[in-house]
C-alpha atoms as a PDB file:
ATOM      1  CA  UNK A   1     -16.382  -3.419 -34.317  1.00  0.00           C
ATOM      2  CA  UNK A   2     -13.105  -4.319 -32.699  1.00  0.00           C
ATOM      3  CA  UNK A   3     -11.003  -1.325 -31.659  1.00  0.00           C
ATOM      4  CA  UNK A   4      -7.246  -1.711 -32.034  1.00  0.00           C
ATOM      5  CA  UNK A   5      -4.466   0.392 -30.593  1.00  0.00           C
ATOM      6  CA  UNK A   6      -3.776   1.591 -34.143  1.00  0.00           C
ATOM      7  CA  UNK A   7      -7.360   2.783 -34.545  1.00  0.00           C
ATOM      8  CA  UNK A   8      -7.197   4.559 -31.193  1.00  0.00           C
ATOM      9  CA  UNK A   9      -4.003   6.336 -32.235  1.00  0.00           C
ATOM     10  CA  UNK A  10      -5.502   7.420 -35.561  1.00  0.00           C
ATOM     11  CA  UNK A  11      -8.634   8.724 -33.841  1.00  0.00           C
ATOM     12  CA  UNK A  12      -6.478  10.618 -31.388  1.00  0.00           C
ATOM     13  CA  UNK A  13      -4.540  12.313 -34.172  1.00  0.00           C
ATOM     14  CA  UNK A  14      -7.749  13.249 -35.997  1.00  0.00           C
ATOM     15  CA  UNK A  15      -9.214  14.728 -32.821  1.00  0.00           C
ATOM     16  CA  UNK A  16      -6.031  16.701 -32.175  1.00  0.00           C
ATOM     17  CA  UNK A  17      -6.005  18.099 -35.693  1.00  0.00           C
ATOM     18  CA  UNK A  18      -9.643  19.088 -35.369  1.00  0.00           C
ATOM     19  CA  UNK A  19      -8.942  20.866 -32.091  1.00  0.00           C
ATOM     20  CA  UNK A  20      -5.966  22.698 -33.579  1.00  0.00           C
ATOM     21  CA  UNK A  21      -8.058  23.686 -36.565  1.00  0.00           C
ATOM     22  CA  UNK A  22     -10.549  25.503 -34.361  1.00  0.00           C
ATOM     23  CA  UNK A  23      -7.710  27.578 -32.904  1.00  0.00           C
ATOM     24  CA  UNK A  24      -6.151  28.635 -36.199  1.00  0.00           C
ATOM     25  CA  UNK A  25      -6.963  31.613 -38.343  1.00  0.00           C
ATOM     26  CA  UNK A  26      -7.200  32.204 -42.032  1.00  0.00           C
ATOM     27  CA  UNK A  27      -5.930  35.747 -41.460  1.00  0.00           C
ATOM     28  CA  UNK A  28      -4.803  37.530 -44.593  1.00  0.00           C
ATOM     29  CA  UNK A  29      -1.047  37.865 -44.705  1.00  0.00           C
ATOM     30  CA  UNK A  30      -0.569  36.025 -41.421  1.00  0.00           C
ATOM     31  CA  UNK A  31       1.436  32.831 -41.223  1.00  0.00           C
ATOM     32  CA  UNK A  32       1.000  32.413 -37.481  1.00  0.00           C
ATOM     33  CA  UNK A  33      -1.802  30.539 -35.774  1.00  0.00           C
ATOM     34  CA  UNK A  34      -4.242  32.670 -33.836  1.00  0.00           C
ATOM     35  CA  UNK A  35      -6.156  31.358 -30.841  1.00  0.00           C
ATOM     36  CA  UNK A  36      -9.884  31.933 -31.048  1.00  0.00           C
ATOM     37  CA  UNK A  37     -11.370  33.225 -27.768  1.00  0.00           C
ATOM     38  CA  UNK A  38     -13.742  30.953 -25.900  1.00  0.00           C
ATOM     39  CA  UNK A  39     -17.279  31.219 -27.219  1.00  0.00           C
ATOM     40  CA  UNK A  40     -16.282  32.246 -30.738  1.00  0.00           C
ATOM     41  CA  UNK A  41     -15.544  30.208 -33.845  1.00  0.00           C
ATOM     42  CA  UNK A  42     -14.428  32.533 -36.625  1.00  0.00           C
ATOM     43  CA  UNK A  43     -11.790  35.181 -37.180  1.00  0.00           C
ATOM     44  CA  UNK A  44     -13.710  37.637 -39.375  1.00  0.00           C
ATOM     45  CA  UNK A  45     -11.072  40.385 -39.599  1.00  0.00           C
ATOM     46  CA  UNK A  46      -7.400  40.689 -38.793  1.00  0.00           C
ATOM     47  CA  UNK A  47      -4.421  42.818 -39.627  1.00  0.00           C
ATOM     48  CA  UNK A  48      -1.008  41.777 -38.348  1.00  0.00           C
ATOM     49  CA  UNK A  49       0.679  44.731 -40.132  1.00  0.00           C
ATOM     50  CA  UNK A  50       3.412  42.482 -41.503  1.00  0.00           C
ATOM     51  CA  UNK A  51       3.838  44.495 -44.693  1.00  0.00           C
ATOM     52  CA  UNK A  52       6.262  47.428 -44.927  1.00  0.00           C
ATOM     53  CA  UNK A  53       5.035  50.853 -45.946  1.00  0.00           C
ATOM     54  CA  UNK A  54       1.430  51.968 -46.290  1.00  0.00           C
ATOM     55  CA  UNK A  55      -1.345  50.132 -44.402  1.00  0.00           C
ATOM     56  CA  UNK A  56      -3.541  47.747 -46.388  1.00  0.00           C
ATOM     57  CA  UNK A  57      -6.097  49.836 -48.291  1.00  0.00           C
ATOM     58  CA  UNK A  58      -8.518  46.901 -48.430  1.00  0.00           C
ATOM     59  CA  UNK A  59      -8.787  47.152 -44.646  1.00  0.00           C
ATOM     60  CA  UNK A  60      -8.243  50.807 -43.763  1.00  0.00           C
ATOM     61  CA  UNK A  61      -9.407  54.222 -44.862  1.00  0.00           C
ATOM     62  CA  UNK A  62      -8.266  57.562 -43.419  1.00  0.00           C
ATOM     63  CA  UNK A  63     -10.058  60.434 -41.814  1.00  0.00           C
ATOM     64  CA  UNK A  64      -8.767  63.735 -43.178  1.00  0.00           C
ATOM     65  CA  UNK A  65      -8.695  67.250 -41.800  1.00  0.00           C
ATOM     66  CA  UNK A  66      -9.631  68.858 -38.506  1.00  0.00           C
ATOM     67  CA  UNK A  67     -12.349  66.440 -37.474  1.00  0.00           C
ATOM     68  CA  UNK A  68     -13.662  66.907 -33.914  1.00  0.00           C
ATOM     69  CA  UNK A  69     -13.286  68.001 -30.307  1.00  0.00           C
ATOM     70  CA  UNK A  70     -11.221  71.102 -31.054  1.00  0.00           C
ATOM     71  CA  UNK A  71      -8.102  68.962 -31.460  1.00  0.00           C
ATOM     72  CA  UNK A  72      -5.084  70.750 -32.895  1.00  0.00           C
ATOM     73  CA  UNK A  73      -3.819  68.026 -35.239  1.00  0.00           C
ATOM     74  CA  UNK A  74      -4.676  67.786 -38.915  1.00  0.00           C
ATOM     75  CA  UNK A  75      -5.339  64.176 -39.879  1.00  0.00           C
ATOM     76  CA  UNK A  76      -3.466  63.377 -43.079  1.00  0.00           C
ATOM     77  CA  UNK A  77      -4.104  60.678 -45.626  1.00  0.00           C
ATOM     78  CA  UNK A  78      -1.099  58.402 -45.433  1.00  0.00           C
ATOM     79  CA  UNK A  79       1.598  60.859 -44.321  1.00  0.00           C
ATOM     80  CA  UNK A  80       1.456  59.938 -40.640  1.00  0.00           C
ATOM     81  CA  UNK A  81       0.822  56.182 -40.745  1.00  0.00           C
ATOM     82  CA  UNK A  82       3.118  53.367 -41.825  1.00  0.00           C
ATOM     83  CA  UNK A  83       3.740  49.672 -41.268  1.00  0.00           C
ATOM     84  CA  UNK A  84       7.161  48.858 -39.939  1.00  0.00           C
ATOM     85  CA  UNK A  85       8.655  45.753 -38.293  1.00  0.00           C
ATOM     86  CA  UNK A  86       5.265  44.123 -37.823  1.00  0.00           C
ATOM     87  CA  UNK A  87       3.481  47.158 -36.372  1.00  0.00           C
ATOM     88  CA  UNK A  88       1.269  49.965 -37.510  1.00  0.00           C
ATOM     89  CA  UNK A  89       2.918  53.244 -36.502  1.00  0.00           C
ATOM     90  CA  UNK A  90       0.651  56.267 -36.117  1.00  0.00           C
ATOM     91  CA  UNK A  91       2.843  59.314 -35.584  1.00  0.00           C
ATOM     92  CA  UNK A  92       1.876  62.792 -34.438  1.00  0.00           C
ATOM     93  CA  UNK A  93       4.354  65.458 -35.490  1.00  0.00           C
ATOM     94  CA  UNK A  94       4.981  69.161 -35.048  1.00  0.00           C
ATOM     95  CA  UNK A  95       5.980  69.496 -38.676  1.00  0.00           C
ATOM     96  CA  UNK A  96       4.040  72.409 -40.219  1.00  0.00           C
ATOM     97  CA  UNK A  97       3.055  70.536 -43.361  1.00  0.00           C
ATOM     98  CA  UNK A  98       1.434  72.548 -46.150  1.00  0.00           C
ATOM     99  CA  UNK A  99      -1.775  70.903 -47.332  1.00  0.00           C
ATOM    100  CA  UNK A 100      -3.909  72.470 -50.078  1.00  0.00           C
ATOM    101  CA  UNK A 101      -2.106  75.775 -49.607  1.00  0.00           C
ATOM    102  CA  UNK A 102      -2.604  75.881 -45.825  1.00  0.00           C
ATOM    103  CA  UNK A 103       0.120  75.239 -43.253  1.00  0.00           C
ATOM    104  CA  UNK A 104      -0.939  72.637 -40.687  1.00  0.00           C
ATOM    105  CA  UNK A 105       1.346  73.005 -37.643  1.00  0.00           C
ATOM    106  CA  UNK A 106       0.576  69.587 -36.111  1.00  0.00           C
ATOM    107  CA  UNK A 107      -0.300  66.439 -38.065  1.00  0.00           C
ATOM    108  CA  UNK A 108      -1.345  62.910 -37.138  1.00  0.00           C
ATOM    109  CA  UNK A 109      -3.426  60.016 -38.464  1.00  0.00           C
ATOM    110  CA  UNK A 110      -6.779  58.371 -37.842  1.00  0.00           C
ATOM    111  CA  UNK A 111      -7.366  55.009 -39.544  1.00  0.00           C
ATOM    112  CA  UNK A 112     -10.882  53.637 -39.924  1.00  0.00           C
ATOM    113  CA  UNK A 113     -12.504  50.522 -41.333  1.00  0.00           C
ATOM    114  CA  UNK A 114     -15.506  52.652 -42.316  1.00  0.00           C
ATOM    115  CA  UNK A 115     -16.849  51.722 -45.734  1.00  0.00           C
ATOM    116  CA  UNK A 116     -14.771  48.550 -45.773  1.00  0.00           C
ATOM    117  CA  UNK A 117     -15.540  46.465 -42.679  1.00  0.00           C
ATOM    118  CA  UNK A 118     -18.063  46.706 -39.877  1.00  0.00           C
ATOM    119  CA  UNK A 119     -19.556  44.261 -37.408  1.00  0.00           C
ATOM    120  CA  UNK A 120     -22.469  43.665 -35.056  1.00  0.00           C
ATOM    121  CA  UNK A 121     -21.410  41.752 -31.932  1.00  0.00           C
ATOM    122  CA  UNK A 122     -18.189  39.821 -31.455  1.00  0.00           C
ATOM    123  CA  UNK A 123     -14.823  40.027 -29.752  1.00  0.00           C
ATOM    124  CA  UNK A 124     -12.487  42.843 -30.788  1.00  0.00           C
ATOM    125  CA  UNK A 125      -8.858  42.644 -29.644  1.00  0.00           C
ATOM    126  CA  UNK A 126      -6.057  45.131 -30.296  1.00  0.00           C
ATOM    127  CA  UNK A 127      -2.480  44.848 -29.044  1.00  0.00           C
ATOM    128  CA  UNK A 128      -0.955  48.291 -28.842  1.00  0.00           C
ATOM    129  CA  UNK A 129       1.651  50.479 -27.181  1.00  0.00           C
ATOM    130  CA  UNK A 130       0.885  53.957 -25.873  1.00  0.00           C
ATOM    131  CA  UNK A 131       3.615  56.585 -25.879  1.00  0.00           C
ATOM    132  CA  UNK A 132       2.177  59.706 -24.303  1.00  0.00           C
ATOM    133  CA  UNK A 133       2.940  63.328 -23.485  1.00  0.00           C
ATOM    134  CA  UNK A 134       0.907  66.209 -22.081  1.00  0.00           C
ATOM    135  CA  UNK A 135      -1.717  66.711 -24.751  1.00  0.00           C
ATOM    136  CA  UNK A 136      -1.708  63.233 -26.308  1.00  0.00           C
ATOM    137  CA  UNK A 137      -4.992  61.368 -26.744  1.00  0.00           C
ATOM    138  CA  UNK A 138      -4.640  57.924 -28.406  1.00  0.00           C
ATOM    139  CA  UNK A 139      -7.771  55.827 -28.791  1.00  0.00           C
ATOM    140  CA  UNK A 140      -9.207  52.542 -30.027  1.00  0.00           C
ATOM    141  CA  UNK A 141     -12.926  52.968 -30.574  1.00  0.00           C
ATOM    142  CA  UNK A 142     -16.010  52.143 -32.629  1.00  0.00           C
ATOM    143  CA  UNK A 143     -18.702  54.188 -34.320  1.00  0.00           C
ATOM    144  CA  UNK A 144     -21.947  53.168 -36.067  1.00  0.00           C
ATOM    145  CA  UNK A 145     -21.668  52.337 -39.751  1.00  0.00           C
ATOM    146  CA  UNK A 146     -24.969  54.147 -40.337  1.00  0.00           C
ATOM    147  CA  UNK A 147     -26.571  56.623 -37.944  1.00  0.00           C
ATOM    148  CA  UNK A 148     -29.954  54.923 -37.899  1.00  0.00           C
ATOM    149  CA  UNK A 149     -30.935  56.538 -34.593  1.00  0.00           C
ATOM    150  CA  UNK A 150     -29.532  59.957 -35.502  1.00  0.00           C
ATOM    151  CA  UNK A 151     -26.272  61.831 -35.110  1.00  0.00           C
ATOM    152  CA  UNK A 152     -23.933  61.519 -32.139  1.00  0.00           C
ATOM    153  CA  UNK A 153     -24.649  60.437 -29.487  1.00  0.00           C
ATOM    154  CA  UNK A 154     -28.004  59.010 -30.558  1.00  0.00           C
ATOM    155  CA  UNK A 155     -26.538  56.108 -32.576  1.00  0.00           C
ATOM    156  CA  UNK A 156     -23.855  55.320 -30.017  1.00  0.00           C
ATOM    157  CA  UNK A 157     -20.097  55.165 -29.575  1.00  0.00           C
ATOM    158  CA  UNK A 158     -17.959  52.443 -27.981  1.00  0.00           C
ATOM    159  CA  UNK A 159     -14.535  53.416 -26.644  1.00  0.00           C
ATOM    160  CA  UNK A 160     -12.416  50.271 -26.286  1.00  0.00           C
ATOM    161  CA  UNK A 161      -9.466  52.277 -24.953  1.00  0.00           C
ATOM    162  CA  UNK A 162      -8.691  55.941 -24.445  1.00  0.00           C
ATOM    163  CA  UNK A 163      -5.679  57.501 -22.772  1.00  0.00           C
ATOM    164  CA  UNK A 164      -4.852  61.129 -22.029  1.00  0.00           C
ATOM    165  CA  UNK A 165      -1.228  62.089 -21.579  1.00  0.00           C
ATOM    166  CA  UNK A 166      -1.731  64.365 -18.600  1.00  0.00           C
ATOM    167  CA  UNK A 167      -3.040  61.376 -16.579  1.00  0.00           C
ATOM    168  CA  UNK A 168      -0.671  58.616 -17.733  1.00  0.00           C
ATOM    169  CA  UNK A 169      -1.539  56.224 -14.918  1.00  0.00           C
ATOM    170  CA  UNK A 170      -5.053  55.448 -16.219  1.00  0.00           C
ATOM    171  CA  UNK A 171      -6.793  54.027 -19.260  1.00  0.00           C
ATOM    172  CA  UNK A 172     -10.474  54.634 -19.938  1.00  0.00           C
ATOM    173  CA  UNK A 173     -13.409  52.567 -21.219  1.00  0.00           C
ATOM    174  CA  UNK A 174     -16.786  54.057 -22.171  1.00  0.00           C
ATOM    175  CA  UNK A 175     -20.005  53.653 -24.139  1.00  0.00           C
ATOM    176  CA  UNK A 176     -22.017  56.710 -25.189  1.00  0.00           C
ATOM    177  CA  UNK A 177     -25.708  56.885 -26.033  1.00  0.00           C
ATOM    178  CA  UNK A 178     -28.493  59.459 -26.134  1.00  0.00           C
ATOM    179  CA  UNK A 179     -29.300  58.846 -22.477  1.00  0.00           C
ATOM    180  CA  UNK A 180     -25.774  58.339 -21.186  1.00  0.00           C
ATOM    181  CA  UNK A 181     -23.039  60.649 -22.438  1.00  0.00           C
ATOM    182  CA  UNK A 182     -20.556  63.139 -21.033  1.00  0.00           C
ATOM    183  CA  UNK A 183     -22.432  66.124 -22.477  1.00  0.00           C
ATOM    184  CA  UNK A 184     -25.247  65.310 -20.064  1.00  0.00           C
ATOM    185  CA  UNK A 185     -22.880  64.562 -17.226  1.00  0.00           C
ATOM    186  CA  UNK A 186     -24.159  60.997 -16.971  1.00  0.00           C
ATOM    187  CA  UNK A 187     -22.191  58.375 -18.801  1.00  0.00           C
ATOM    188  CA  UNK A 188     -21.273  54.724 -18.718  1.00  0.00           C
ATOM    189  CA  UNK A 189     -17.533  54.730 -18.255  1.00  0.00           C
ATOM    190  CA  UNK A 190     -14.746  53.171 -16.234  1.00  0.00           C
ATOM    191  CA  UNK A 191     -11.303  54.416 -15.232  1.00  0.00           C
ATOM    192  CA  UNK A 192      -8.817  51.553 -15.061  1.00  0.00           C
ATOM    193  CA  UNK A 193      -5.562  52.121 -13.162  1.00  0.00           C
ATOM    194  CA  UNK A 194      -2.772  51.058 -15.528  1.00  0.00           C
ATOM    195  CA  UNK A 195       0.483  52.855 -14.685  1.00  0.00           C
ATOM    196  CA  UNK A 196       2.369  50.229 -16.684  1.00  0.00           C
ATOM    197  CA  UNK A 197       0.467  50.955 -19.906  1.00  0.00           C
ATOM    198  CA  UNK A 198       2.701  53.734 -21.227  1.00  0.00           C
ATOM    199  CA  UNK A 199       5.710  52.453 -23.107  1.00  0.00           C
ATOM    200  CA  UNK A 200       4.716  48.777 -23.218  1.00  0.00           C
ATOM    201  CA  UNK A 201       2.503  46.617 -25.423  1.00  0.00           C
ATOM    202  CA  UNK A 202      -0.797  45.501 -23.900  1.00  0.00           C
ATOM    203  CA  UNK A 203      -4.010  43.987 -25.226  1.00  0.00           C
ATOM    204  CA  UNK A 204      -7.257  45.934 -25.198  1.00  0.00           C
ATOM    205  CA  UNK A 205     -10.411  44.000 -25.968  1.00  0.00           C
ATOM    206  CA  UNK A 206     -14.176  44.303 -26.132  1.00  0.00           C
ATOM    207  CA  UNK A 207     -16.658  41.441 -25.805  1.00  0.00           C
ATOM    208  CA  UNK A 208     -19.898  42.680 -27.395  1.00  0.00           C
ATOM    209  CA  UNK A 209     -23.129  40.681 -27.150  1.00  0.00           C
ATOM    210  CA  UNK A 210     -26.801  41.611 -27.609  1.00  0.00           C
ATOM    211  CA  UNK A 211     -27.065  42.052 -23.834  1.00  0.00           C
ATOM    212  CA  UNK A 212     -23.712  43.429 -22.682  1.00  0.00           C
ATOM    213  CA  UNK A 213     -20.419  45.135 -23.381  1.00  0.00           C
ATOM    214  CA  UNK A 214     -17.344  43.875 -21.510  1.00  0.00           C
ATOM    215  CA  UNK A 215     -13.924  45.532 -21.606  1.00  0.00           C
ATOM    216  CA  UNK A 216     -10.743  43.504 -21.049  1.00  0.00           C
ATOM    217  CA  UNK A 217      -7.173  44.624 -20.387  1.00  0.00           C
ATOM    218  CA  UNK A 218      -4.482  42.004 -20.948  1.00  0.00           C
ATOM    219  CA  UNK A 219      -7.175  39.333 -20.902  1.00  0.00           C
ATOM    220  CA  UNK A 220      -8.684  40.433 -17.589  1.00  0.00           C
ATOM    221  CA  UNK A 221     -12.288  41.598 -17.467  1.00  0.00           C
ATOM    222  CA  UNK A 222     -12.330  45.119 -16.029  1.00  0.00           C
ATOM    223  CA  UNK A 223     -15.786  46.554 -16.720  1.00  0.00           C
ATOM    224  CA  UNK A 224     -19.156  45.279 -17.939  1.00  0.00           C
ATOM    225  CA  UNK A 225     -22.115  47.333 -19.073  1.00  0.00           C
ATOM    226  CA  UNK A 226     -25.353  45.365 -19.154  1.00  0.00           C
ATOM    227  CA  UNK A 227     -28.361  46.276 -21.227  1.00  0.00           C
ATOM    228  CA  UNK A 228     -31.114  47.630 -19.010  1.00  0.00           C
ATOM    229  CA  UNK A 229     -34.454  45.862 -18.720  1.00  0.00           C
ATOM    230  CA  UNK A 230     -36.852  47.157 -21.367  1.00  0.00           C
ATOM    231  CA  UNK A 231     -34.074  49.310 -22.820  1.00  0.00           C
ATOM    232  CA  UNK A 232     -34.743  51.167 -26.055  1.00  0.00           C
ATOM    233  CA  UNK A 233     -32.364  52.838 -28.490  1.00  0.00           C
ATOM    234  CA  UNK A 234     -31.802  55.840 -26.206  1.00  0.00           C
ATOM    235  CA  UNK A 235     -29.743  53.748 -23.792  1.00  0.00           C
ATOM    236  CA  UNK A 236     -28.795  50.802 -25.991  1.00  0.00           C
ATOM    237  CA  UNK A 237     -28.075  51.724 -29.628  1.00  0.00           C
ATOM    238  CA  UNK A 238     -25.525  48.911 -29.736  1.00  0.00           C
ATOM    239  CA  UNK A 239     -27.621  46.613 -31.914  1.00  0.00           C
ATOM    240  CA  UNK A 240     -26.314  47.855 -35.257  1.00  0.00           C
ATOM    241  CA  UNK A 241     -23.062  47.467 -37.192  1.00  0.00           C
ATOM    242  CA  UNK A 242     -20.076  49.479 -35.964  1.00  0.00           C
ATOM    243  CA  UNK A 243     -16.682  50.142 -37.565  1.00  0.00           C
ATOM    244  CA  UNK A 244     -13.275  50.483 -35.897  1.00  0.00           C
ATOM    245  CA  UNK A 245     -11.073  53.576 -35.456  1.00  0.00           C
ATOM    246  CA  UNK A 246      -7.392  53.818 -34.455  1.00  0.00           C
ATOM    247  CA  UNK A 247      -6.150  57.346 -33.916  1.00  0.00           C
ATOM    248  CA  UNK A 248      -3.697  59.581 -32.103  1.00  0.00           C
ATOM    249  CA  UNK A 249      -5.175  62.991 -31.304  1.00  0.00           C
ATOM    250  CA  UNK A 250      -3.376  66.021 -29.867  1.00  0.00           C
ATOM    251  CA  UNK A 251      -5.126  68.473 -27.557  1.00  0.00           C
ATOM    252  CA  UNK A 252      -8.867  68.903 -27.776  1.00  0.00           C
ATOM    253  CA  UNK A 253     -11.630  69.095 -25.203  1.00  0.00           C
ATOM    254  CA  UNK A 254     -10.259  66.231 -23.123  1.00  0.00           C
ATOM    255  CA  UNK A 255      -6.708  65.567 -24.259  1.00  0.00           C
ATOM    256  CA  UNK A 256      -5.803  69.247 -23.990  1.00  0.00           C
ATOM    257  CA  UNK A 257      -7.462  70.005 -20.647  1.00  0.00           C
ATOM    258  CA  UNK A 258      -4.059  70.691 -19.070  1.00  0.00           C
ATOM    259  CA  UNK A 259      -2.447  72.164 -22.145  1.00  0.00           C
ATOM    260  CA  UNK A 260      -0.276  70.696 -24.885  1.00  0.00           C
ATOM    261  CA  UNK A 261       3.479  70.289 -24.612  1.00  0.00           C
ATOM    262  CA  UNK A 262       4.606  70.387 -28.224  1.00  0.00           C
ATOM    263  CA  UNK A 263       8.076  69.392 -27.063  1.00  0.00           C
ATOM    264  CA  UNK A 264       6.592  65.910 -26.673  1.00  0.00           C
ATOM    265  CA  UNK A 265       6.326  65.588 -30.461  1.00  0.00           C
ATOM    266  CA  UNK A 266       6.958  63.502 -32.441  1.00  0.00           C
ATOM    267  CA  UNK A 267       4.990  60.825 -30.589  1.00  0.00           C
ATOM    268  CA  UNK A 268       3.817  57.422 -31.777  1.00  0.00           C
ATOM    269  CA  UNK A 269       0.899  55.114 -31.111  1.00  0.00           C
ATOM    270  CA  UNK A 270       1.927  51.592 -32.142  1.00  0.00           C
ATOM    271  CA  UNK A 271      -0.447  48.747 -32.996  1.00  0.00           C
ATOM    272  CA  UNK A 272       0.843  45.185 -33.206  1.00  0.00           C
ATOM    273  CA  UNK A 273      -2.394  43.628 -34.431  1.00  0.00           C
ATOM    274  CA  UNK A 274      -6.151  44.019 -34.767  1.00  0.00           C
ATOM    275  CA  UNK A 275      -8.438  40.939 -34.620  1.00  0.00           C
ATOM    276  CA  UNK A 276     -12.197  40.587 -34.695  1.00  0.00           C
ATOM    277  CA  UNK A 277     -13.903  37.273 -33.876  1.00  0.00           C
ATOM    278  CA  UNK A 278     -17.532  36.191 -34.103  1.00  0.00           C
END
């Protein structure tokens, strides 16, 4: 068949459209195109937080109460989280709110996809801004949808980003399992120097495969944990579905190691977007 310049031009346009199509999302509520990371094809979850007011209840649930680690904040359902100007704002306050007849001196929020969305393997990316003080403990992390290997740490935990306000120059990555966890004094973790992190938006990402976990900061690979040869569930429980958590804690076993300066409240943890690719 004879090929004309017109045919070449048409083929070029078709190829360009196809290439663009692979880099665009079908993200709910998002009018912008989203680049798909290399090696992935599908955006399976995203929240751009473009609405105003309460976060999307089809994507997020709340933890409620005094949950863990001896933290001093009470996690409220909806009082401390809002969408505003394209961001999710999680705000910790020293506000002495009365809840069910009890005064809770410090409140904050922890949003979870538990019961709504969970994933096994993929690329999780969150763009967020840390605003810290002595006692703050914001985190982006994942927990197992079902504890098939048993309660923590047997079924695992993946910390995509943690930050403690008394050490503002660092961010932390970690993965906990029965064999490797801080309670035993042996854990798989990495301290990443990031003095610029506080007060500015940055991307925090996890590349999760059957054989490895890789943490990225602003697109740069910083730490990789490889599955050991002949590993079993005690060191590698990361072969089940996990859900995502965004929270701002105050005090607790790690965040409060050097005390809590309540003068630092109110404090916010701001999330521009959450995206999960497979």
